[in-house]
C-alpha cells in the first residue's frame, strides 16, 4: 500500500500550505525538499514492476511505513494547531510543531535515496528485465458472449425453458461451483434480445449467504423501477402487486438456502402466463428444492479445448493467438483447472501485460508450481492478478473487496468518493480526481477483477461487484484495513495499529455506554491511528465526537442528533 500512502501524504503536505501559506517560512526549503522526496518515491513506484526483487519489496514496505509515520505527524499538526487555531502567530505554531517531524523527514529522504539508487541502475525494479507493464487493453466484460458460446447446448436448453414450456410459474435452477460461470450465463440470458421481447418485467437481485428478506424485496422493486412509497413497510405486498398479471422474469443470484427462496416466492404471483424465476446456486439441495419436478441445469468445468478457446477469446480480438504462445497458453488454461473465472481473470491480466513468450512462460511456471488443493489453487491463481496489479490500483482493489455485499451491487459513486477521500487517486494535470478514479475502476473491470452489475442511462458503470473468490483473495492480502463482522470475532490487540475500520454488521451497537457488550467505543479508543470509519448504519453525535480526531473518511447512513 506504499503508493496510496505516498499519494495521501503528498496531498496532506499540500494542505499544510493551504491552511497557512506562511507556515514554516524559516524551513521552507526543507519542506519543499520533503515534498520532492515524496514525488520521487511515487515516480519510483510508477517505474517499479509489481514483480520485484525481495530487496525492493522490503524497501517498498519501508516506504509505506515512513509515509504513514510522516502523515500522522502532519495531520496531528493540522488538527491541533490549524483547525483549532491554537495561536495566531506562525512562529508560535512552528514551536508547537511535533519534534518528530524532523525525524520523519529524515526517514523519507533516506528511503528516497535508496529508491533513487535502485531506479538509476535498474537492478531491482523487476525480477526479470522483460517484465514491464504493457498497459494493453481490450473488452473483458463479465458476461461476454465468448464464455457462453463454449456451451451452446446448455444455453439453448435454458432459453427454451424460459420462453416455452408450461404456462405455470417455473423456477429454472443453475447449479455449479464458485467461478464456474453461473452468474455469467444468467446475465447473458437475462440481457438477450429474445428475453427482453418475451417478458414485460425483468428484475435481478443477488442474495448471498447472509440476507434480509425485506431488503431483498426492496432491491427487486428498485431494480424493476418501482418505488416503495411506504419505505420498508409493505414491500412484499408492493412487489406482489407490481408483478400481478404481468409476465415477469426474476433472477435470484447466489442463493445459499431454501428459506431465501421461500421468502421470495411469497411475493411472486402465479399468473399462469409463462413467468419465470432463474436461480443460481452452489447448493444442489437448493436447486432440487426449487424445482423438484424437473432436473436442474448443472454447469460443469470446461474441458481442456474449451478452456483454451475461452482464454483465446478473452485475450485476442479475433482469436488469433501468435504461434509461439499457443503451447504455453494451453498449459496455462489447463493449470486454471478449467474454471472459467480463473481463466477469465488470468486473461484479463495477460491482456494488460507483455505479449512475450518469456512473460507467458513466467506466469505458466507460477501456476505449475502450486501444489495445493483445488480451492487453494484457485485462490492462488486469482491471487496472481492482485500480485501483478500496478501499485496505484492495489489499494483500490482491496478496498472494494472488504465491502459488505449489497443486493444490487456496490454503488460506483460511493466507491469513487471513498477512493478520493482516502487519497488513493493521484491528481494528474487538468483531469479531476473523480475522472481519474473512474479510470482506475475501468482498469480493474478490464482486468476482470471487478464486474459491472448495472449501467446508468449513459452506459457508464452504476453498480459494481466482486466475485466471492476474489473477496477471499482480498482477506489474505495486506492488512491495510480492519473489518469487524461481530464483536465476538474481533480482537483489539491485533487491530490497534490499523488505520481503517469497516463494520459489516448493522446490529453492532454504537452506544457510548462503557457497559455496552459490543464495546465498540472501547475499540475506537484502542485504535488511535484510525483515519477511516465505514459503517452501513446510523451513528450518534457523541460517537462522531469520539472518533473525529484525525478522521479523514466517515461513511455512515446518517447521524442521530438525539443521542
Protein backbone atom coordinates (compact mmCIF):
# COMPACT_ATOMS: atom_id res chain seq x y z
CA UNK A 1 0.00 0.00 0.00
CA UNK A 2 3.04 2.24 -0.35
CA UNK A 3 1.69 4.06 -3.42
CA UNK A 4 -1.60 5.02 -1.75
CA UNK A 5 0.24 6.08 1.40
CA UNK A 6 2.57 8.37 -0.61
CA UNK A 7 -0.21 9.95 -2.66
CA UNK A 8 -2.17 10.64 0.51
CA UNK A 9 0.94 12.07 2.21
CA UNK A 10 1.61 14.40 -0.73
CA UNK A 11 -1.95 15.72 -0.59
CA UNK A 12 -1.71 16.21 3.18
CA UNK A 13 1.56 18.12 2.86
CA UNK A 14 -0.07 20.44 0.32
CA UNK A 15 -2.96 21.01 2.71
CA UNK A 16 -0.48 22.34 5.27
CA UNK A 17 0.32 25.26 3.00
CA UNK A 18 -3.35 25.80 2.17
CA UNK A 19 -4.09 26.34 5.86
CA UNK A 20 -1.25 28.83 6.22
CA UNK A 21 0.86 29.88 3.21
CA UNK A 22 3.46 31.34 5.61
CA UNK A 23 3.84 28.11 7.52
CA UNK A 24 7.43 27.05 8.17
CA UNK A 25 8.85 30.09 6.40
CA UNK A 26 12.21 29.61 8.03
CA UNK A 27 12.41 25.96 6.96
CA UNK A 28 10.51 26.21 3.68
CA UNK A 29 13.44 24.80 1.71
CA UNK A 30 13.45 21.69 3.90
CA UNK A 31 9.71 21.27 3.44
CA UNK A 32 9.97 21.68 -0.34
CA UNK A 33 12.74 19.09 -0.37
CA UNK A 34 10.47 16.79 1.67
CA UNK A 35 7.73 17.08 -0.96
CA UNK A 36 10.24 16.44 -3.74
CA UNK A 37 11.28 13.24 -1.98
CA UNK A 38 7.65 12.11 -1.86
CA UNK A 39 7.21 12.85 -5.56
CA UNK A 40 10.38 10.93 -6.42
CA UNK A 41 9.15 7.91 -4.45
CA UNK A 42 5.84 7.96 -6.34
CA UNK A 43 7.81 8.07 -9.59
CA UNK A 44 9.90 5.14 -8.35
CA UNK A 45 6.78 3.04 -7.77
CA UNK A 46 5.38 4.06 -11.16
CA UNK A 47 8.53 2.66 -12.77
CA UNK A 48 8.69 -0.36 -10.50
CA UNK A 49 7.14 -3.56 -11.81
CA UNK A 50 4.83 -5.48 -9.45
CA UNK A 51 7.29 -8.36 -9.89
CA UNK A 52 10.29 -7.04 -7.92
CA UNK A 53 13.27 -8.47 -6.15
CA UNK A 54 12.91 -9.25 -2.45
CA UNK A 55 15.18 -6.34 -1.53
CA UNK A 56 12.98 -3.93 -3.49
CA UNK A 57 9.83 -5.30 -1.89
CA UNK A 58 11.42 -4.78 1.54
CA UNK A 59 12.19 -1.18 0.58
CA UNK A 60 8.60 -0.66 -0.58
CA UNK A 61 7.41 -1.79 2.86
CA UNK A 62 9.75 0.74 4.49
CA UNK A 63 8.44 3.45 2.16
CA UNK A 64 4.88 2.68 3.24
CA UNK A 65 5.75 2.80 6.95
CA UNK A 66 7.71 6.04 6.58
CA UNK A 67 4.82 7.64 4.68
CA UNK A 68 2.30 6.62 7.33
CA UNK A 69 4.50 7.99 10.10
CA UNK A 70 5.04 11.30 8.30
CA UNK A 71 1.33 11.73 7.58
CA UNK A 72 0.45 11.07 11.21
CA UNK A 73 2.70 13.94 12.26
CA UNK A 74 1.35 16.34 9.61
CA UNK A 75 -2.28 15.51 10.35
CA UNK A 76 -1.63 15.99 14.05
CA UNK A 77 -0.34 19.46 13.23
CA UNK A 78 -3.41 20.27 11.14
CA UNK A 79 -5.86 19.03 13.77
CA UNK A 80 -4.11 20.59 16.76
CA UNK A 81 -2.78 23.92 15.51
CA UNK A 82 -4.73 24.88 12.37
CA UNK A 83 -8.25 23.53 12.75
CA UNK A 84 -8.41 24.54 16.41
CA UNK A 85 -6.44 27.75 15.71
CA UNK A 86 -4.15 27.44 18.73
CA UNK A 87 -2.05 30.58 18.48
CA UNK A 88 -2.31 33.26 15.81
CA UNK A 89 1.39 33.75 15.24
CA UNK A 90 3.13 31.47 12.76
CA UNK A 91 6.24 31.23 14.97
CA UNK A 92 4.09 30.00 17.85
CA UNK A 93 2.65 27.36 15.54
CA UNK A 94 6.14 26.32 14.50
CA UNK A 95 7.18 25.94 18.13
CA UNK A 96 4.27 23.56 18.68
CA UNK A 97 5.15 21.56 15.59
CA UNK A 98 5.91 17.99 16.76
CA UNK A 99 9.62 17.42 17.18
CA UNK A 100 9.23 14.08 15.48
CA UNK A 101 8.70 15.85 12.15
CA UNK A 102 12.43 16.26 11.71
CA UNK A 103 12.86 12.52 12.15
CA UNK A 104 10.16 11.55 9.65
CA UNK A 105 11.58 13.92 7.05
CA UNK A 106 14.92 12.22 7.55
CA UNK A 107 13.28 8.80 7.09
CA UNK A 108 11.52 9.85 3.89
CA UNK A 109 14.70 11.29 2.41
CA UNK A 110 16.63 8.17 3.41
CA UNK A 111 14.31 5.75 1.62
CA UNK A 112 14.14 8.18 -1.33
CA UNK A 113 17.93 7.95 -1.74
CA UNK A 114 17.79 4.14 -1.69
CA UNK A 115 14.96 4.15 -4.21
CA UNK A 116 16.85 6.53 -6.48
CA UNK A 117 19.87 4.25 -6.46
CA UNK A 118 17.73 1.25 -7.48
CA UNK A 119 15.98 3.36 -10.10
CA UNK A 120 19.27 4.52 -11.62
CA UNK A 121 20.83 1.09 -12.04
CA UNK A 122 17.50 -0.70 -12.67
CA UNK A 123 18.72 -3.79 -10.83
CA UNK A 124 15.75 -4.18 -8.51
CA UNK A 125 12.83 -2.73 -10.46
CA UNK A 126 11.95 -6.10 -11.99
CA UNK A 127 12.53 -9.70 -11.08
CA UNK A 128 13.47 -10.09 -14.72
CA UNK A 129 14.08 -7.25 -17.14
CA UNK A 130 11.32 -8.36 -19.53
CA UNK A 131 8.51 -7.79 -17.03
CA UNK A 132 7.44 -4.29 -17.92
CA UNK A 133 3.86 -3.11 -17.77
CA UNK A 134 2.45 -3.02 -21.28
CA UNK A 135 -0.90 -1.42 -20.49
CA UNK A 136 -2.71 -3.41 -23.17
CA UNK A 137 -6.47 -3.04 -23.19
CA UNK A 138 -9.45 -4.91 -24.54
CA UNK A 139 -13.03 -5.80 -23.74
CA UNK A 140 -13.36 -8.24 -20.85
CA UNK A 141 -16.84 -7.64 -19.56
CA UNK A 142 -18.49 -10.03 -17.21
CA UNK A 143 -20.99 -11.94 -19.27
CA UNK A 144 -19.05 -11.75 -22.52
CA UNK A 145 -20.57 -13.86 -25.25
CA UNK A 146 -17.33 -15.81 -25.63
CA UNK A 147 -17.83 -17.65 -22.36
CA UNK A 148 -21.38 -18.78 -23.07
CA UNK A 149 -20.60 -19.75 -26.65
CA UNK A 150 -18.47 -22.57 -25.26
CA UNK A 151 -21.64 -24.37 -24.13
CA UNK A 152 -24.31 -23.57 -26.69
CA UNK A 153 -26.35 -26.64 -25.80
CA UNK A 154 -26.82 -25.57 -22.18
CA UNK A 155 -27.70 -22.03 -23.21
CA UNK A 156 -30.24 -23.31 -25.71
CA UNK A 157 -31.89 -25.68 -23.23
CA UNK A 158 -32.31 -22.98 -20.62
CA UNK A 159 -33.56 -20.46 -23.18
CA UNK A 160 -36.20 -22.92 -24.38
CA UNK A 161 -37.37 -23.46 -20.81
CA UNK A 162 -37.60 -19.71 -20.26
CA UNK A 163 -39.62 -18.79 -23.33
CA UNK A 164 -41.58 -22.01 -23.83
CA UNK A 165 -42.87 -24.93 -21.80
CA UNK A 166 -45.67 -24.84 -19.27
CA UNK A 167 -47.65 -21.71 -18.55
CA UNK A 168 -47.32 -22.02 -14.76
CA UNK A 169 -44.62 -20.09 -12.90
CA UNK A 170 -41.43 -22.08 -13.38
CA UNK A 171 -38.16 -21.90 -11.45
CA UNK A 172 -35.04 -22.55 -13.52
CA UNK A 173 -32.08 -23.50 -11.29
CA UNK A 174 -28.46 -23.22 -12.49
CA UNK A 175 -26.01 -25.07 -10.25
CA UNK A 176 -22.23 -25.18 -10.12
CA UNK A 177 -19.16 -24.42 -8.07
CA UNK A 178 -17.99 -20.88 -7.43
CA UNK A 179 -16.42 -19.35 -10.51
CA UNK A 180 -17.84 -21.85 -12.98
CA UNK A 181 -19.87 -19.20 -14.79
CA UNK A 182 -23.41 -19.42 -13.35
CA UNK A 183 -23.85 -15.68 -12.93
CA UNK A 184 -22.29 -15.03 -16.34
CA UNK A 185 -24.70 -17.41 -18.06
CA UNK A 186 -27.70 -15.99 -16.20
CA UNK A 187 -26.58 -12.47 -17.09
CA UNK A 188 -26.33 -13.19 -20.81
CA UNK A 189 -29.71 -14.89 -20.85
CA UNK A 190 -31.22 -12.04 -18.85
CA UNK A 191 -29.89 -9.45 -21.33
CA UNK A 192 -30.60 -11.35 -24.54
CA UNK A 193 -32.91 -9.68 -27.04
CA UNK A 194 -35.32 -12.61 -27.05
CA UNK A 195 -35.76 -12.42 -23.27
CA UNK A 196 -36.26 -8.66 -23.41
CA UNK A 197 -39.01 -9.11 -26.00
CA UNK A 198 -40.65 -12.03 -24.16
CA UNK A 199 -41.04 -10.62 -20.63
CA UNK A 200 -42.83 -7.46 -19.52
CA UNK A 201 -40.75 -7.12 -16.35
CA UNK A 202 -37.20 -8.25 -15.61
CA UNK A 203 -35.51 -7.96 -12.24
CA UNK A 204 -32.22 -9.10 -10.72
CA UNK A 205 -31.11 -9.47 -7.11
CA UNK A 206 -28.01 -11.02 -5.55
CA UNK A 207 -28.74 -12.79 -2.26
CA UNK A 208 -25.52 -14.44 -0.97
CA UNK A 209 -25.06 -16.25 2.36
CA UNK A 210 -26.47 -13.64 4.72
CA UNK A 211 -29.54 -11.69 3.72
CA UNK A 212 -32.56 -9.78 4.94
CA UNK A 213 -35.83 -10.79 3.28
CA UNK A 214 -37.30 -7.29 3.36
CA UNK A 215 -34.17 -5.75 1.84
CA UNK A 216 -34.19 -8.31 -0.96
CA UNK A 217 -37.78 -7.41 -1.80
CA UNK A 218 -36.91 -3.70 -1.81
CA UNK A 219 -33.90 -4.40 -4.01
CA UNK A 220 -36.10 -6.17 -6.59
CA UNK A 221 -38.57 -3.29 -6.53
CA UNK A 222 -35.73 -0.87 -7.15
CA UNK A 223 -34.31 -2.97 -9.98
CA UNK A 224 -37.66 -3.15 -11.81
CA UNK A 225 -38.13 0.58 -11.33
CA UNK A 226 -40.98 0.54 -8.81
CA UNK A 227 -40.65 2.95 -5.86
CA UNK A 228 -41.79 1.63 -2.49
CA UNK A 229 -43.74 4.60 -1.19
CA UNK A 230 -44.04 3.15 2.30
CA UNK A 231 -40.29 2.90 2.76
CA UNK A 232 -39.51 -0.51 4.21
CA UNK A 233 -43.12 -1.34 5.06
CA UNK A 234 -45.38 -3.43 2.84
CA UNK A 235 -42.55 -4.27 0.46
CA UNK A 236 -43.82 -7.79 -0.18
CA UNK A 237 -47.31 -6.53 -0.96
CA UNK A 238 -45.94 -3.84 -3.24
CA UNK A 239 -43.83 -6.36 -5.18
CA UNK A 240 -46.74 -8.81 -5.48
CA UNK A 241 -48.99 -6.09 -6.86
CA UNK A 242 -46.31 -4.94 -9.30
CA UNK A 243 -45.89 -8.45 -10.71
CA UNK A 244 -49.55 -9.49 -10.64
CA UNK A 245 -50.96 -10.09 -14.12
CA UNK A 246 -47.59 -9.31 -15.77
CA UNK A 247 -45.21 -11.70 -17.47
CA UNK A 248 -42.05 -11.41 -15.40
CA UNK A 249 -38.54 -12.83 -15.12
CA UNK A 250 -36.69 -12.55 -11.81
CA UNK A 251 -33.08 -13.66 -11.35
CA UNK A 252 -32.11 -14.77 -7.83
CA UNK A 253 -28.33 -14.86 -7.97
CA UNK A 254 -26.18 -16.79 -5.48
CA UNK A 255 -28.87 -18.41 -3.33
CA UNK A 256 -27.50 -20.39 -0.39
CA UNK A 257 -30.63 -21.51 1.47
CA UNK A 258 -34.13 -22.78 0.74
CA UNK A 259 -35.51 -20.19 3.17
CA UNK A 260 -34.35 -17.38 0.90
CA UNK A 261 -36.31 -18.90 -1.97
CA UNK A 262 -39.43 -19.30 0.18
CA UNK A 263 -39.22 -15.64 1.17
CA UNK A 264 -39.17 -14.50 -2.44
CA UNK A 265 -41.93 -16.87 -3.59
CA UNK A 266 -44.33 -15.15 -1.17
CA UNK A 267 -44.13 -12.08 -3.39
CA UNK A 268 -44.19 -13.97 -6.71
CA UNK A 269 -47.76 -14.34 -8.06
CA UNK A 270 -48.80 -17.36 -10.09
CA UNK A 271 -50.08 -15.59 -13.20
CA UNK A 272 -50.30 -18.68 -15.43
CA UNK A 273 -48.58 -16.72 -18.21
CA UNK A 274 -45.14 -18.34 -18.50
CA UNK A 275 -43.46 -16.17 -15.86
CA UNK A 276 -40.06 -17.45 -14.78
CA UNK A 277 -37.50 -17.28 -11.96
CA UNK A 278 -33.84 -18.05 -12.67
CA UNK A 279 -31.95 -19.24 -9.61
CA UNK A 280 -28.16 -19.64 -9.41
CA UNK A 281 -26.68 -21.56 -6.52
CA UNK A 282 -23.70 -23.63 -5.46
CA UNK A 283 -26.01 -25.89 -3.46
CA UNK A 284 -27.60 -28.84 -5.26
CA UNK A 285 -30.14 -29.21 -2.46
CA UNK A 286 -31.38 -25.68 -3.04
CA UNK A 287 -31.83 -26.39 -6.75
CA UNK A 288 -33.70 -29.64 -6.06
CA UNK A 289 -35.95 -27.87 -3.57
CA UNK A 290 -36.63 -25.07 -6.03
CA UNK A 291 -37.86 -27.37 -8.77
CA UNK A 292 -38.49 -30.88 -7.53
CA UNK A 293 -40.42 -31.82 -10.68
CA UNK A 294 -37.51 -31.28 -13.02
CA UNK A 295 -33.77 -31.75 -13.04
CA UNK A 296 -31.68 -28.63 -12.64
CA UNK A 297 -29.05 -27.31 -15.03
CA UNK A 298 -25.64 -28.37 -13.75
CA UNK A 299 -22.71 -26.32 -15.01
CA UNK A 300 -19.55 -28.37 -15.29
CA UNK A 301 -15.95 -27.32 -15.59
CA UNK A 302 -14.70 -26.78 -19.11
CA UNK A 303 -12.65 -29.38 -20.91
CA UNK A 304 -9.10 -28.54 -22.00
CA UNK A 305 -10.03 -27.48 -25.52
CA UNK A 306 -12.87 -25.26 -24.34
CA UNK A 307 -10.60 -23.71 -21.71
CA UNK A 308 -8.05 -22.83 -24.35
CA UNK A 309 -10.71 -21.38 -26.68
CA UNK A 310 -12.04 -19.24 -23.82
CA UNK A 311 -8.56 -17.97 -22.97
CA UNK A 312 -8.01 -17.01 -26.62
CA UNK A 313 -11.38 -15.27 -26.94
CA UNK A 314 -10.78 -13.28 -23.76
CA UNK A 315 -7.31 -12.10 -24.82
CA UNK A 316 -7.31 -11.77 -28.61
CA UNK A 317 -9.89 -9.83 -30.56
CA UNK A 318 -10.11 -12.34 -33.42
CA UNK A 319 -8.91 -15.43 -31.50
CA UNK A 320 -5.59 -15.13 -33.35
CA UNK A 321 -3.01 -16.28 -30.84
CA UNK A 322 0.62 -15.89 -32.00
CA UNK A 323 2.01 -19.36 -32.79
CA UNK A 324 4.85 -19.04 -30.27
CA UNK A 325 2.34 -18.51 -27.41
CA UNK A 326 -0.01 -21.41 -28.21
CA UNK A 327 1.79 -24.15 -26.30
CA UNK A 328 2.32 -22.01 -23.18
CA UNK A 329 -1.23 -20.66 -23.40
CA UNK A 330 -2.72 -24.15 -23.48
CA UNK A 331 -0.63 -25.08 -20.45
CA UNK A 332 -1.99 -22.07 -18.52
CA UNK A 333 -5.56 -22.93 -19.49
CA UNK A 334 -5.09 -26.46 -18.13
CA UNK A 335 -3.44 -25.17 -14.93
CA UNK A 336 -6.51 -22.99 -14.33
CA UNK A 337 -8.31 -26.28 -13.66
CA UNK A 338 -10.83 -25.48 -16.40
CA UNK A 339 -12.55 -22.93 -14.15
CA UNK A 340 -13.98 -20.08 -16.28
CA UNK A 341 -13.49 -17.47 -13.56
CA UNK A 342 -9.81 -18.31 -13.14
CA UNK A 343 -9.31 -18.35 -16.92
CA UNK A 344 -11.13 -15.04 -17.33
CA UNK A 345 -9.13 -13.31 -14.59
CA UNK A 346 -5.79 -14.61 -15.91
CA UNK A 347 -6.83 -13.47 -19.40
CA UNK A 348 -7.69 -10.05 -18.01
CA UNK A 349 -4.17 -9.83 -16.61
CA UNK A 350 -2.40 -11.13 -19.72
CA UNK A 351 -4.23 -8.60 -21.90
CA UNK A 352 -2.64 -5.84 -19.86
CA UNK A 353 0.89 -7.22 -19.85
CA UNK A 354 3.70 -8.10 -22.24
CA UNK A 355 2.74 -10.43 -25.11
CA UNK A 356 6.11 -12.11 -24.96
CA UNK A 357 6.86 -15.80 -24.75
CA UNK A 358 9.14 -15.21 -21.75
CA UNK A 359 6.44 -13.42 -19.78
CA UNK A 360 3.77 -16.02 -20.52
CA UNK A 361 6.24 -18.73 -19.55
CA UNK A 362 6.81 -16.99 -16.23
CA UNK A 363 3.07 -16.91 -15.48
CA UNK A 364 2.71 -20.56 -16.54
CA UNK A 365 5.59 -21.61 -14.26
CA UNK A 366 3.95 -19.89 -11.30
CA UNK A 367 0.70 -21.73 -11.91
CA UNK A 368 2.53 -25.00 -12.36
CA UNK A 369 4.40 -24.65 -9.08
CA UNK A 370 1.27 -24.50 -6.92
CA UNK A 371 0.67 -27.95 -5.45
CA UNK A 372 -2.34 -27.46 -3.21
CA UNK A 373 -5.99 -28.46 -3.00
CA UNK A 374 -8.34 -27.32 -5.75
CA UNK A 375 -9.80 -24.43 -3.74
CA UNK A 376 -6.39 -23.21 -2.62
CA UNK A 377 -5.13 -23.50 -6.17
CA UNK A 378 -7.97 -21.33 -7.44
CA UNK A 379 -7.20 -18.70 -4.81
CA UNK A 380 -3.53 -18.88 -5.70
CA UNK A 381 -4.35 -18.37 -9.37
CA UNK A 382 -6.64 -15.46 -8.63
CA UNK A 383 -4.04 -14.00 -6.28
CA UNK A 384 -1.64 -13.67 -9.18
CA UNK A 385 -3.82 -10.98 -10.71
CA UNK A 386 -3.57 -8.98 -7.49
CA UNK A 387 0.17 -9.52 -7.21
CA UNK A 388 0.64 -8.24 -10.76
CA UNK A 389 -1.55 -5.15 -10.35
CA UNK A 390 0.16 -1.78 -10.83
CA UNK A 391 0.92 -0.21 -7.45
CA UNK A 392 -1.67 2.54 -7.88
CA UNK A 393 -4.52 0.01 -8.24
CA UNK A 394 -3.80 -2.34 -5.33
CA UNK A 395 -5.37 -0.29 -2.56
CA UNK A 396 -8.41 0.44 -4.74
CA UNK A 397 -8.94 -3.27 -5.43
CA UNK A 398 -8.61 -4.32 -1.79
CA UNK A 399 -10.92 -1.52 -0.64
CA UNK A 400 -13.80 -2.85 -2.76
CA UNK A 401 -13.10 -6.40 -1.62
CA UNK A 402 -13.91 -5.59 2.00
CA UNK A 403 -17.29 -4.02 1.34
CA UNK A 404 -20.32 -5.90 2.60
CA UNK A 405 -22.02 -7.48 -0.39
CA UNK A 406 -25.03 -5.38 -1.41
CA UNK A 407 -28.11 -6.85 -3.03
CA UNK A 408 -27.92 -4.68 -6.14
CA UNK A 409 -24.16 -4.20 -6.12
CA UNK A 410 -21.86 -1.56 -4.68
CA UNK A 411 -22.71 1.99 -5.86
CA UNK A 412 -19.90 3.20 -8.11
CA UNK A 413 -20.45 6.78 -6.94
CA UNK A 414 -19.73 5.68 -3.36
CA UNK A 415 -16.59 3.82 -4.42
CA UNK A 416 -15.28 6.86 -6.30
CA UNK A 417 -15.93 9.22 -3.37
CA UNK A 418 -14.22 6.93 -0.87
CA UNK A 419 -11.19 6.34 -3.09
CA UNK A 420 -10.76 10.10 -3.50
CA UNK A 421 -11.31 10.80 0.22
CA UNK A 422 -8.78 8.11 1.15
CA UNK A 423 -6.19 9.77 -1.07
CA UNK A 424 -5.77 6.73 -3.34
CA UNK A 425 -6.03 8.78 -6.54
CA UNK A 426 -3.03 10.80 -7.67
CA UNK A 427 -4.02 14.17 -9.25
CA UNK A 428 -2.78 14.48 -12.80
CA UNK A 429 -2.81 17.58 -14.99
CA UNK A 430 -6.20 19.12 -15.70
CA UNK A 431 -8.17 15.93 -15.02
CA UNK A 432 -10.19 16.00 -11.82
CA UNK A 433 -9.56 13.18 -9.36
CA UNK A 434 -13.10 11.80 -9.83
CA UNK A 435 -12.43 11.26 -13.55
CA UNK A 436 -9.12 9.57 -12.75
CA UNK A 437 -10.81 7.37 -10.13
CA UNK A 438 -13.30 6.22 -12.77
CA UNK A 439 -10.37 5.31 -15.00
CA UNK A 440 -8.96 3.24 -12.13
CA UNK A 441 -12.30 1.44 -11.85
CA UNK A 442 -12.49 0.78 -15.58
CA UNK A 443 -8.97 -0.65 -15.47
CA UNK A 444 -10.00 -3.09 -12.74
CA UNK A 445 -13.07 -4.00 -14.80
CA UNK A 446 -10.91 -4.64 -17.87
CA UNK A 447 -8.81 -6.98 -15.76
CA UNK A 448 -11.93 -8.97 -14.81
CA UNK A 449 -11.33 -8.23 -11.13
CA UNK A 450 -14.46 -6.10 -10.82
CA UNK A 451 -17.70 -6.68 -12.72
CA UNK A 452 -20.38 -4.17 -13.63
CA UNK A 453 -23.72 -5.15 -12.18
CA UNK A 454 -25.70 -2.30 -13.68
CA UNK A 455 -25.08 0.61 -16.06
CA UNK A 456 -26.71 4.03 -15.96
CA UNK A 457 -28.55 5.69 -18.84
CA UNK A 458 -25.22 6.77 -20.33
CA UNK A 459 -23.92 3.18 -20.24
CA UNK A 460 -21.41 4.08 -17.54
CA UNK A 461 -20.98 1.71 -14.55
CA UNK A 462 -23.59 2.42 -11.85
CA UNK A 463 -23.24 -0.60 -9.57
CA UNK A 464 -20.21 -2.86 -9.40
CA UNK A 465 -19.29 -6.03 -7.56
CA UNK A 466 -16.64 -8.63 -6.95
CA UNK A 467 -16.79 -12.41 -7.04
CA UNK A 468 -16.67 -14.18 -3.67
CA UNK A 469 -13.43 -15.95 -4.56
CA UNK A 470 -11.78 -12.62 -5.26
CA UNK A 471 -13.07 -11.32 -1.94
CA UNK A 472 -11.30 -14.28 -0.35
CA UNK A 473 -8.12 -13.15 -2.08
CA UNK A 474 -8.52 -9.70 -0.52
CA UNK A 475 -8.75 -11.10 3.01
CA UNK A 476 -5.44 -12.93 2.51
CA UNK A 477 -3.53 -9.88 1.33
CA UNK A 478 -2.01 -6.92 3.14
CA UNK A 479 -3.82 -5.85 6.30
CA UNK A 480 -4.32 -2.29 5.20
CA UNK A 481 -7.78 -2.14 6.74
CA UNK A 482 -9.71 -3.84 9.51
CA UNK A 483 -13.14 -5.44 9.18
CA UNK A 484 -15.47 -6.03 12.11
CA UNK A 485 -18.17 -8.58 11.39
CA UNK A 486 -19.11 -9.20 15.02
CA UNK A 487 -17.70 -8.22 18.44
CA UNK A 488 -17.14 -11.87 19.30
CA UNK A 489 -14.64 -12.36 16.46
CA UNK A 490 -12.86 -9.02 16.82
CA UNK A 491 -9.53 -8.86 18.65
CA UNK A 492 -8.49 -5.39 19.77
CA UNK A 493 -4.82 -6.27 20.32
CA UNK A 494 -4.45 -7.41 16.70
CA UNK A 495 -6.19 -4.29 15.34
CA UNK A 496 -4.88 -1.43 17.47
CA UNK A 497 -2.46 -0.21 14.78
CA UNK A 498 -5.00 -0.31 11.96
CA UNK A 499 -5.83 2.90 10.11
CA UNK A 500 -9.18 1.92 8.58
CA UNK A 501 -12.20 0.22 10.15
CA UNK A 502 -15.16 -1.18 8.21
CA UNK A 503 -18.13 -2.60 10.14
CA UNK A 504 -20.13 -5.17 8.22
CA UNK A 505 -22.88 -5.84 10.75
CA UNK A 506 -25.78 -3.45 11.20
CA UNK A 507 -26.57 -4.75 14.66
CA UNK A 508 -23.23 -3.74 16.16
CA UNK A 509 -24.12 -1.16 18.80
CA UNK A 510 -22.62 2.33 18.67
CA UNK A 511 -23.73 3.49 22.12
CA UNK A 512 -21.14 5.28 24.21
CA UNK A 513 -22.15 3.37 27.32
CA UNK A 514 -19.00 1.70 28.65
CA UNK A 515 -21.09 -1.30 29.72
CA UNK A 516 -22.17 -1.89 26.13
CA UNK A 517 -21.48 -5.59 25.49
CA UNK A 518 -20.40 -4.77 21.94
CA UNK A 519 -17.77 -2.37 23.36
CA UNK A 520 -17.34 -0.54 20.04
CA UNK A 521 -16.40 2.72 21.71
CA UNK A 522 -13.68 0.95 23.66
CA UNK A 523 -12.41 -0.43 20.37
CA UNK A 524 -12.24 3.04 18.86
CA UNK A 525 -10.33 4.35 21.87
CA UNK A 526 -7.89 1.45 21.46
CA UNK A 527 -7.28 2.37 17.78
CA UNK A 528 -5.53 5.78 17.99
CA UNK A 529 -4.35 5.66 14.37
CA UNK A 530 -7.80 5.23 12.83
CA UNK A 531 -8.32 7.53 9.84
CA UNK A 532 -11.33 5.94 8.10
CA UNK A 533 -14.59 4.63 9.50
CA UNK A 534 -17.20 2.96 7.26
CA UNK A 535 -20.46 1.58 8.63
CA UNK A 536 -23.77 0.91 6.85
CA UNK A 537 -25.86 2.25 9.73
CA UNK A 538 -26.76 5.41 11.62
CA UNK A 539 -24.42 6.69 14.36
CA UNK A 540 -24.85 9.09 17.27
CA UNK A 541 -23.34 12.58 17.55
CA UNK A 542 -21.48 11.50 20.69
CA UNK A 543 -19.86 8.69 18.75
CA UNK A 544 -18.86 11.09 15.98
CA UNK A 545 -17.22 13.38 18.55
CA UNK A 546 -15.34 10.41 19.95
CA UNK A 547 -13.98 9.28 16.60
CA UNK A 548 -13.47 12.56 14.77
CA UNK A 549 -9.95 13.46 16.00
CA UNK A 550 -7.78 12.73 12.93
CA UNK A 551 -10.53 11.10 10.88
CA UNK A 552 -10.28 11.55 7.10
CA UNK A 553 -13.22 9.39 6.00
CA UNK A 554 -16.56 8.97 7.76
CA UNK A 555 -19.08 6.97 5.72
CA UNK A 556 -22.32 6.16 7.57
CA UNK A 557 -26.04 6.09 6.78
CA UNK A 558 -26.75 9.11 8.97
CA UNK A 559 -26.09 10.84 12.27
CA UNK A 560 -28.67 10.72 15.04
CA UNK A 561 -28.66 14.16 16.69
CA UNK A 562 -30.88 12.94 19.54
CA UNK A 563 -28.14 10.90 21.20
